[in-house]
Amino acid sequence: MDYSSLPRYPPHDEAGPSQSERLGEAAAAERGRSAEGASMALLRRVAVGVAALYWVCCLAFHVVIAVTQAGPRPGSFYVFWFFLTVGVAIAVSNIIKPAGPGAKEPAPRWYCYALGVTALACGFWPMVVGSGVPNAPFGLLGLFEDTGVPGGPPGDRDLNSHGRRVRAITEEEYQRAEAWQAVVWTGLMACFSGMTLAGALYFQQIRRTPNQSLQQTAAAGSVSGTP
């Protein structure tokens, strides 16, 4: 039988891809991982910058409110400020998180401690100092006296505690107590945003520590492998 008319096929390479092809695929995958890692590193730096900028804005706003002590703020002001601060904290924490359970946890740098102390001071000093209105909330003396929330219509202002009238107050005392509530809230938001920034900086420090140790290990291995 004449088999010359049958189509001829190239021989099948049972050995699979060559070594050069495998090296090329590995190099392409490594380049992809490097590009992804660079993008995430840039995103983490941007998140730290956003956290720092937001904390500076919160701190500056708190200082302005504490110095001017403007009149009472609407309830929506506190709701908006609270949810904005929580949103920034959640977004930054999800982007900047520890590298993994195997990452080293070094001692925080000095600026993490400084940020933490400053943030706590912003949050607690208005509660310790107080508005100066007797029986008003947010004051150190309020721990030892009957306190109430300022309220009531103009001309009949009072301090109220769960429907019980603590005492009558003047319009000036009412304005001062309401203004101090804004000082307390802005101080708490400065505290929360400052702690978020301190945590973000510390997470960045944790991420850098394993990379430096791996580089040192690789350098030591290359030196020991040389003749």
Foldseek 3Di string as FASTA:
>chain_A
DDPPPPDDDDDDDPVPDDPVVVVVVVVVVVVVVVVVVVVLVVVLVVLLVVLVVVLVVLVVVLVVLVVVLFFFDDPVVLVVLVVVLVVSLVVNPVSQDAPDPPFDQDDADPVLVVLLVVLVCLQQPQLDPDLPQPQDHSYPCVVVDHHFHWDDDQPFIAGDDPNRTPGTDHPVSSRSSNSSVVSNSSSNSSSSSSNSSSVSVSSVVRVVVVVVVVVVVVVVVVVVPDD
